[in-house]
N, C-alpha and C. Protein backbone atom coordinates (compact mmCIF):
# COMPACT_ATOMS: atom_id res chain seq x y z
N MET A 1 9.23 -31.49 -42.94
CA MET A 1 10.43 -30.78 -42.42
C MET A 1 10.14 -29.55 -41.69
N SER A 2 9.12 -28.74 -42.29
CA SER A 2 8.80 -27.39 -41.70
C SER A 2 8.17 -27.69 -40.39
N LEU A 3 7.47 -28.75 -40.08
CA LEU A 3 6.81 -29.03 -38.81
C LEU A 3 7.89 -29.15 -37.72
N ILE A 4 8.96 -29.78 -37.99
CA ILE A 4 10.10 -29.98 -36.98
C ILE A 4 10.62 -28.59 -36.67
N LYS A 5 10.87 -27.80 -37.78
CA LYS A 5 11.35 -26.44 -37.57
C LYS A 5 10.41 -25.60 -36.62
N LEU A 6 9.18 -25.85 -36.90
CA LEU A 6 8.05 -24.96 -36.07
C LEU A 6 8.11 -25.47 -34.62
N ILE A 7 8.22 -26.79 -34.42
CA ILE A 7 8.39 -27.34 -33.10
C ILE A 7 9.67 -26.79 -32.35
N ILE A 8 10.70 -26.86 -32.99
CA ILE A 8 11.97 -26.43 -32.49
C ILE A 8 11.85 -24.94 -32.11
N PHE A 9 11.26 -24.14 -32.94
CA PHE A 9 11.05 -22.73 -32.83
C PHE A 9 10.20 -22.42 -31.44
N PHE A 10 9.14 -23.14 -31.32
CA PHE A 10 8.25 -23.03 -30.15
C PHE A 10 8.84 -23.43 -28.91
N ILE A 11 9.83 -24.42 -28.98
CA ILE A 11 10.48 -24.84 -27.77
C ILE A 11 11.71 -24.07 -27.60
N GLY A 12 12.38 -23.71 -28.50
CA GLY A 12 13.69 -22.96 -28.36
C GLY A 12 13.53 -21.46 -28.01
N LEU A 13 12.54 -20.85 -28.45
CA LEU A 13 12.31 -19.31 -28.28
C LEU A 13 12.08 -19.12 -26.78
N PRO A 14 11.19 -19.90 -26.11
CA PRO A 14 10.89 -19.59 -24.65
C PRO A 14 12.26 -20.02 -23.85
N ALA A 15 12.98 -21.02 -24.31
CA ALA A 15 14.20 -21.41 -23.55
C ALA A 15 15.20 -20.30 -23.66
N VAL A 16 15.34 -19.68 -24.81
CA VAL A 16 16.31 -18.57 -25.04
C VAL A 16 15.89 -17.42 -24.22
N VAL A 17 14.62 -16.98 -24.31
CA VAL A 17 14.15 -15.90 -23.51
C VAL A 17 14.24 -16.13 -22.06
N GLY A 18 13.97 -17.27 -21.56
CA GLY A 18 14.13 -17.66 -20.16
C GLY A 18 15.58 -17.53 -19.73
N CYS A 19 16.53 -17.95 -20.52
CA CYS A 19 17.92 -17.84 -20.15
C CYS A 19 18.34 -16.39 -20.12
N ILE A 20 17.87 -15.60 -20.98
CA ILE A 20 18.24 -14.04 -21.04
C ILE A 20 17.66 -13.48 -19.78
N LEU A 21 16.44 -13.76 -19.47
CA LEU A 21 15.83 -13.21 -18.26
C LEU A 21 16.57 -13.57 -16.90
N TYR A 22 16.96 -14.92 -16.90
CA TYR A 22 17.65 -15.31 -15.73
C TYR A 22 18.97 -14.60 -15.59
N ILE A 23 19.78 -14.49 -16.71
CA ILE A 23 21.06 -13.83 -16.69
C ILE A 23 20.88 -12.35 -16.27
N THR A 24 19.91 -11.73 -16.86
CA THR A 24 19.73 -10.24 -16.48
C THR A 24 19.31 -10.16 -15.02
N ASP A 25 18.48 -11.00 -14.46
CA ASP A 25 18.12 -11.03 -13.11
C ASP A 25 19.40 -11.19 -12.23
N GLN A 26 20.27 -12.11 -12.47
CA GLN A 26 21.49 -12.37 -11.82
C GLN A 26 22.38 -11.17 -11.81
N GLN A 27 22.47 -10.48 -12.92
CA GLN A 27 23.33 -9.33 -13.00
C GLN A 27 22.72 -8.20 -12.16
N TYR A 28 21.46 -8.04 -12.23
CA TYR A 28 20.83 -7.03 -11.43
C TYR A 28 21.01 -7.19 -9.95
N ARG A 29 20.98 -8.53 -9.40
CA ARG A 29 21.20 -8.86 -8.00
C ARG A 29 22.57 -8.58 -7.61
N ARG A 30 23.55 -8.85 -8.59
CA ARG A 30 24.92 -8.67 -8.34
C ARG A 30 25.26 -7.12 -8.16
N ILE A 31 24.67 -6.34 -8.98
CA ILE A 31 24.84 -4.91 -8.88
C ILE A 31 24.33 -4.36 -7.52
N ARG A 32 23.05 -4.80 -7.18
CA ARG A 32 22.48 -4.34 -5.91
C ARG A 32 23.41 -4.75 -4.83
N GLU A 33 23.94 -6.00 -4.73
CA GLU A 33 24.78 -6.54 -3.69
C GLU A 33 26.10 -5.68 -3.62
N ALA A 34 26.72 -5.37 -4.80
CA ALA A 34 27.93 -4.48 -4.93
C ALA A 34 27.66 -3.15 -4.40
N LYS A 35 26.47 -2.51 -4.47
CA LYS A 35 26.21 -1.25 -4.01
C LYS A 35 25.76 -1.30 -2.52
N GLY A 36 25.63 -2.55 -2.00
CA GLY A 36 25.21 -2.71 -0.59
C GLY A 36 23.69 -2.49 -0.32
N LEU A 37 22.92 -2.59 -1.30
CA LEU A 37 21.52 -2.42 -1.26
C LEU A 37 20.86 -3.72 -0.76
N PRO A 38 19.85 -3.76 0.06
CA PRO A 38 19.18 -5.00 0.43
C PRO A 38 18.46 -5.58 -0.73
N PRO A 39 18.13 -6.79 -0.71
CA PRO A 39 17.43 -7.56 -1.76
C PRO A 39 16.01 -6.83 -1.82
N GLU A 40 15.61 -6.81 -3.14
CA GLU A 40 14.31 -6.12 -3.36
C GLU A 40 13.09 -7.04 -2.97
N GLU A 41 12.18 -6.36 -2.25
CA GLU A 41 10.97 -7.13 -1.83
C GLU A 41 9.84 -6.63 -2.60
N PRO A 42 9.13 -7.48 -3.23
CA PRO A 42 7.98 -7.00 -4.04
C PRO A 42 6.87 -6.37 -3.14
N ALA A 43 6.32 -5.29 -3.59
CA ALA A 43 5.32 -4.52 -2.93
C ALA A 43 3.99 -5.20 -3.12
N PRO A 44 3.16 -5.31 -2.03
CA PRO A 44 2.00 -5.94 -2.23
C PRO A 44 1.02 -5.25 -3.27
N ASP A 45 0.39 -6.05 -4.13
CA ASP A 45 -0.44 -5.34 -5.22
C ASP A 45 -1.83 -5.24 -4.65
N ILE A 46 -2.39 -4.07 -4.36
CA ILE A 46 -3.61 -3.88 -3.84
C ILE A 46 -4.48 -3.32 -4.98
N PRO A 47 -5.36 -4.05 -5.50
CA PRO A 47 -6.22 -3.60 -6.63
C PRO A 47 -7.23 -2.54 -6.27
N ASP A 48 -7.67 -1.86 -7.21
CA ASP A 48 -8.64 -0.59 -7.03
C ASP A 48 -9.94 -1.25 -6.60
N GLU A 49 -10.33 -2.42 -7.07
CA GLU A 49 -11.52 -3.12 -6.70
C GLU A 49 -11.22 -4.34 -5.92
N CYS A 50 -12.11 -4.62 -4.91
CA CYS A 50 -11.95 -5.71 -4.11
C CYS A 50 -11.87 -7.06 -4.91
N CYS A 51 -10.99 -7.93 -4.72
CA CYS A 51 -10.91 -9.23 -5.43
C CYS A 51 -11.82 -10.28 -4.78
N GLY A 52 -12.26 -10.09 -3.55
CA GLY A 52 -13.24 -10.99 -2.99
C GLY A 52 -12.54 -12.25 -2.39
N GLN A 53 -11.17 -12.32 -2.44
CA GLN A 53 -10.59 -13.54 -1.93
C GLN A 53 -10.20 -13.51 -0.51
N HIS A 54 -10.40 -12.34 0.16
CA HIS A 54 -10.01 -12.19 1.62
C HIS A 54 -11.26 -11.87 2.32
N GLU A 55 -11.25 -12.28 3.63
CA GLU A 55 -12.41 -12.04 4.53
C GLU A 55 -12.59 -10.46 4.66
N VAL A 56 -11.45 -9.78 4.78
CA VAL A 56 -11.48 -8.35 4.86
C VAL A 56 -10.66 -7.76 3.68
N CYS A 57 -11.29 -6.92 2.92
CA CYS A 57 -10.59 -6.43 1.72
C CYS A 57 -9.22 -5.62 2.12
N GLU A 58 -8.05 -6.01 1.54
CA GLU A 58 -6.87 -5.40 1.88
C GLU A 58 -6.97 -4.00 1.59
N ARG A 59 -7.67 -3.46 0.62
CA ARG A 59 -7.75 -2.15 0.28
C ARG A 59 -8.31 -1.29 1.33
N ASP A 60 -9.35 -1.88 2.11
CA ASP A 60 -9.98 -1.22 3.12
C ASP A 60 -9.36 -1.55 4.56
N SER A 61 -8.27 -2.18 4.60
CA SER A 61 -7.66 -2.64 5.86
C SER A 61 -7.13 -1.48 6.60
N LEU A 62 -7.28 -1.46 7.77
CA LEU A 62 -6.72 -0.34 8.70
C LEU A 62 -5.37 -0.79 9.11
N LEU A 63 -4.85 -2.02 8.89
CA LEU A 63 -3.58 -2.48 9.44
C LEU A 63 -2.45 -1.98 8.59
N SER A 64 -1.41 -1.35 9.32
CA SER A 64 -0.34 -0.82 8.61
C SER A 64 0.56 -1.82 8.03
N ALA A 65 0.38 -3.14 8.41
CA ALA A 65 1.22 -4.19 7.90
C ALA A 65 0.79 -4.57 6.47
N VAL A 66 -0.28 -4.09 6.01
CA VAL A 66 -0.81 -4.50 4.63
C VAL A 66 0.19 -3.75 3.67
N SER A 67 0.42 -2.43 3.92
CA SER A 67 1.30 -1.69 2.99
C SER A 67 2.27 -0.92 3.82
N LYS A 68 3.65 -0.93 3.39
CA LYS A 68 4.61 -0.18 4.10
C LYS A 68 4.83 1.13 3.44
N GLU A 69 4.03 1.56 2.42
CA GLU A 69 4.38 2.75 1.73
C GLU A 69 3.48 3.89 2.32
N ILE A 70 4.26 4.98 2.61
CA ILE A 70 3.52 6.12 3.23
C ILE A 70 2.93 6.98 2.15
N GLU A 71 1.67 7.23 2.15
CA GLU A 71 1.04 8.10 1.32
C GLU A 71 0.53 9.33 1.87
N TYR A 72 0.70 10.43 1.30
CA TYR A 72 0.19 11.79 1.93
C TYR A 72 -1.18 12.15 1.31
N TYR A 73 -2.10 12.53 2.07
CA TYR A 73 -3.45 12.96 1.56
C TYR A 73 -3.68 14.46 1.75
N ASP A 74 -2.62 15.32 1.37
CA ASP A 74 -2.64 16.75 1.72
C ASP A 74 -2.78 16.95 3.14
N ASP A 75 -1.99 16.25 3.89
CA ASP A 75 -2.00 16.24 5.38
C ASP A 75 -0.66 16.35 5.98
N GLU A 76 0.37 16.94 5.29
CA GLU A 76 1.76 16.99 5.76
C GLU A 76 1.71 17.76 7.15
N GLU A 77 0.81 18.60 7.42
CA GLU A 77 0.86 19.44 8.63
C GLU A 77 0.68 18.51 9.89
N LEU A 78 0.11 17.31 9.69
CA LEU A 78 -0.10 16.33 10.78
C LEU A 78 1.24 15.70 11.22
N ASP A 79 2.30 15.84 10.46
CA ASP A 79 3.58 15.36 10.87
C ASP A 79 4.15 15.99 12.07
N ASP A 80 3.68 17.15 12.37
CA ASP A 80 4.08 17.97 13.49
C ASP A 80 3.58 17.34 14.79
N LEU A 81 2.47 16.51 14.70
CA LEU A 81 1.71 15.92 15.78
C LEU A 81 2.22 14.49 16.08
N LYS A 82 3.16 14.06 15.44
CA LYS A 82 3.77 12.70 15.55
C LYS A 82 4.11 12.56 17.09
N GLY A 83 3.76 11.35 17.58
CA GLY A 83 4.12 11.08 19.00
C GLY A 83 3.04 11.64 19.99
N THR A 84 2.08 12.44 19.54
CA THR A 84 1.04 12.84 20.49
C THR A 84 0.09 11.70 20.78
N PRO A 85 -0.15 11.47 22.00
CA PRO A 85 -1.15 10.30 22.37
C PRO A 85 -2.65 10.73 21.91
N SER A 86 -3.40 9.65 21.64
CA SER A 86 -4.69 9.82 21.12
C SER A 86 -5.52 10.70 22.04
N HIS A 87 -5.30 10.76 23.29
CA HIS A 87 -6.16 11.49 24.27
C HIS A 87 -5.45 12.82 24.47
N GLY A 88 -4.39 13.22 23.84
CA GLY A 88 -3.71 14.45 24.08
C GLY A 88 -3.87 15.62 23.17
N TYR A 89 -4.82 15.51 22.29
CA TYR A 89 -5.14 16.60 21.24
C TYR A 89 -6.12 17.59 21.92
N ASN A 90 -5.94 18.85 21.48
CA ASN A 90 -6.85 19.91 21.80
C ASN A 90 -7.88 20.03 20.69
N GLU A 91 -8.85 20.88 21.00
CA GLU A 91 -10.03 20.87 20.07
C GLU A 91 -9.53 21.43 18.61
N GLU A 92 -8.68 22.38 18.58
CA GLU A 92 -8.13 22.81 17.29
C GLU A 92 -7.51 21.73 16.57
N GLN A 93 -6.73 20.87 17.18
CA GLN A 93 -6.06 19.77 16.51
C GLN A 93 -7.11 18.75 15.91
N CYS A 94 -8.10 18.48 16.74
CA CYS A 94 -9.18 17.54 16.33
C CYS A 94 -9.84 18.14 15.20
N THR A 95 -10.11 19.42 15.19
CA THR A 95 -10.79 20.04 13.97
C THR A 95 -9.90 19.81 12.73
N LEU A 96 -8.55 19.95 12.84
CA LEU A 96 -7.64 19.74 11.80
C LEU A 96 -7.81 18.39 11.21
N PHE A 97 -7.93 17.35 12.09
CA PHE A 97 -8.08 15.98 11.60
C PHE A 97 -9.39 15.89 10.90
N ARG A 98 -10.47 16.38 11.48
CA ARG A 98 -11.77 16.33 10.91
C ARG A 98 -11.82 17.00 9.48
N ASN A 99 -11.21 18.14 9.37
CA ASN A 99 -11.18 18.84 8.09
C ASN A 99 -10.55 18.05 6.97
N ILE A 100 -9.41 17.38 7.35
CA ILE A 100 -8.74 16.44 6.45
C ILE A 100 -9.66 15.25 6.11
N LEU A 101 -10.32 14.66 7.12
CA LEU A 101 -11.19 13.50 6.88
C LEU A 101 -12.30 13.83 6.01
N TYR A 102 -13.04 14.92 6.20
CA TYR A 102 -14.09 15.21 5.42
C TYR A 102 -13.95 15.88 4.17
N THR A 103 -12.66 16.00 3.73
CA THR A 103 -12.30 16.46 2.47
C THR A 103 -11.81 15.41 1.50
N MET A 104 -11.72 14.10 1.99
CA MET A 104 -11.34 13.02 1.18
C MET A 104 -12.50 12.19 0.91
N ARG A 105 -12.36 11.37 -0.21
CA ARG A 105 -13.30 10.35 -0.53
C ARG A 105 -13.35 9.22 0.51
N SER A 106 -14.47 8.61 0.65
CA SER A 106 -14.58 7.53 1.56
C SER A 106 -13.73 6.30 1.33
N ASP A 107 -13.41 6.15 0.04
CA ASP A 107 -12.51 4.96 -0.28
C ASP A 107 -11.06 5.29 -0.01
N GLU A 108 -10.68 6.46 0.49
CA GLU A 108 -9.37 6.94 0.83
C GLU A 108 -9.15 6.77 2.33
N VAL A 109 -10.17 6.71 3.09
CA VAL A 109 -10.11 6.89 4.52
C VAL A 109 -9.19 5.78 5.18
N ALA A 110 -9.44 4.50 4.74
CA ALA A 110 -8.64 3.36 5.33
C ALA A 110 -7.12 3.59 4.95
N GLY A 111 -6.80 3.99 3.74
CA GLY A 111 -5.39 4.30 3.41
C GLY A 111 -4.81 5.35 4.13
N TRP A 112 -5.61 6.35 4.45
CA TRP A 112 -5.11 7.52 5.30
C TRP A 112 -4.80 7.15 6.70
N VAL A 113 -5.63 6.21 7.33
CA VAL A 113 -5.37 5.77 8.69
C VAL A 113 -4.12 4.85 8.64
N ARG A 114 -4.06 4.06 7.55
CA ARG A 114 -2.73 3.21 7.54
C ARG A 114 -1.50 4.21 7.42
N SER A 115 -1.61 5.14 6.60
CA SER A 115 -0.52 6.19 6.45
C SER A 115 -0.17 6.90 7.79
N LEU A 116 -1.22 7.19 8.51
CA LEU A 116 -0.93 7.89 9.82
C LEU A 116 -0.21 6.89 10.77
N GLN A 117 -0.62 5.60 10.80
CA GLN A 117 0.01 4.66 11.59
C GLN A 117 1.47 4.53 11.19
N LEU A 118 1.74 4.53 9.97
CA LEU A 118 3.16 4.38 9.47
C LEU A 118 3.95 5.52 9.74
N ARG A 119 3.38 6.76 9.94
CA ARG A 119 4.05 7.91 10.24
C ARG A 119 4.13 8.26 11.71
N GLY A 120 3.55 7.38 12.54
CA GLY A 120 3.55 7.54 13.96
C GLY A 120 2.75 8.54 14.55
N ILE A 121 1.52 8.73 13.84
CA ILE A 121 0.55 9.77 14.24
C ILE A 121 -0.72 9.01 14.66
N GLU A 122 -1.23 9.27 15.92
CA GLU A 122 -2.33 8.59 16.43
C GLU A 122 -3.55 9.52 16.13
N LEU A 123 -4.67 8.88 15.83
CA LEU A 123 -5.91 9.54 15.71
C LEU A 123 -6.40 10.08 16.94
N PRO A 124 -7.03 11.29 17.03
CA PRO A 124 -7.60 11.73 18.24
C PRO A 124 -8.79 10.93 18.68
N ASP A 125 -8.93 10.63 19.92
CA ASP A 125 -10.08 9.80 20.45
C ASP A 125 -11.32 10.37 19.90
N GLU A 126 -11.49 11.66 19.83
CA GLU A 126 -12.72 12.35 19.39
C GLU A 126 -13.04 12.10 17.93
N VAL A 127 -12.15 11.65 17.17
CA VAL A 127 -12.30 11.43 15.65
C VAL A 127 -12.34 9.92 15.32
N LYS A 128 -11.90 9.10 16.17
CA LYS A 128 -11.90 7.63 15.88
C LYS A 128 -13.26 7.12 15.46
N ASP A 129 -14.31 7.45 16.18
CA ASP A 129 -15.61 6.92 15.91
C ASP A 129 -16.11 7.37 14.55
N GLU A 130 -15.81 8.61 14.21
CA GLU A 130 -16.26 9.06 12.80
C GLU A 130 -15.52 8.40 11.77
N VAL A 131 -14.22 8.06 11.96
CA VAL A 131 -13.39 7.40 10.98
C VAL A 131 -13.98 5.92 10.87
N LEU A 132 -14.25 5.23 11.88
CA LEU A 132 -14.75 3.88 11.90
C LEU A 132 -16.09 3.81 11.28
N LEU A 133 -16.93 4.92 11.50
CA LEU A 133 -18.31 4.82 10.94
C LEU A 133 -18.07 5.06 9.43
N ILE A 134 -17.29 5.78 8.86
CA ILE A 134 -17.14 6.00 7.40
C ILE A 134 -16.68 4.69 6.93
N ILE A 135 -15.60 4.01 7.45
CA ILE A 135 -15.11 2.81 7.01
C ILE A 135 -16.19 1.75 6.96
N CYS A 136 -16.80 1.55 8.15
CA CYS A 136 -17.89 0.47 8.18
C CYS A 136 -19.01 0.64 7.19
N GLU A 137 -19.43 1.95 7.06
CA GLU A 137 -20.39 2.29 6.09
C GLU A 137 -19.94 1.97 4.61
N ARG A 138 -18.77 2.13 4.33
CA ARG A 138 -18.12 1.90 2.97
C ARG A 138 -18.12 0.42 2.85
N ARG A 139 -17.67 -0.36 3.77
CA ARG A 139 -17.60 -1.79 3.70
C ARG A 139 -19.00 -2.31 3.45
N SER A 140 -19.99 -1.92 4.10
CA SER A 140 -21.32 -2.42 3.96
C SER A 140 -22.00 -2.20 2.64
N HIS A 141 -21.48 -1.11 1.94
CA HIS A 141 -22.03 -0.79 0.61
C HIS A 141 -21.18 -1.39 -0.57
N VAL A 142 -20.08 -2.05 -0.23
CA VAL A 142 -19.28 -2.57 -1.30
C VAL A 142 -19.67 -3.96 -1.72
């Protein structure tokens, strides 16, 4: 008789937990709709270490489509340069980009470039080669 109770327990418990989770999720969605909030989209999970499942590691990707989250790298002053074309920077502004670039770790450079793209800030032409060199060097050593 105790075997039957054990089987019912192991089948019933997950069913009850599943029902509770489903009801909670539905209530959460109704609350978001009532407040006029858009449906929640899960953020892409980018691990600290490369998973090896992609031809190009998402963590090292320069594409802004990989992550929509803007992250600042102690570079808030660059927001003043938003909209400046890559060929329109003076030497002082290029030096500002270089100072930020060379004070960060090499594994942060790709994320920094993504952040700049999302913020509408173009890298100066004079700095692009240096950025690509750091990223390519990092990719070849990983």
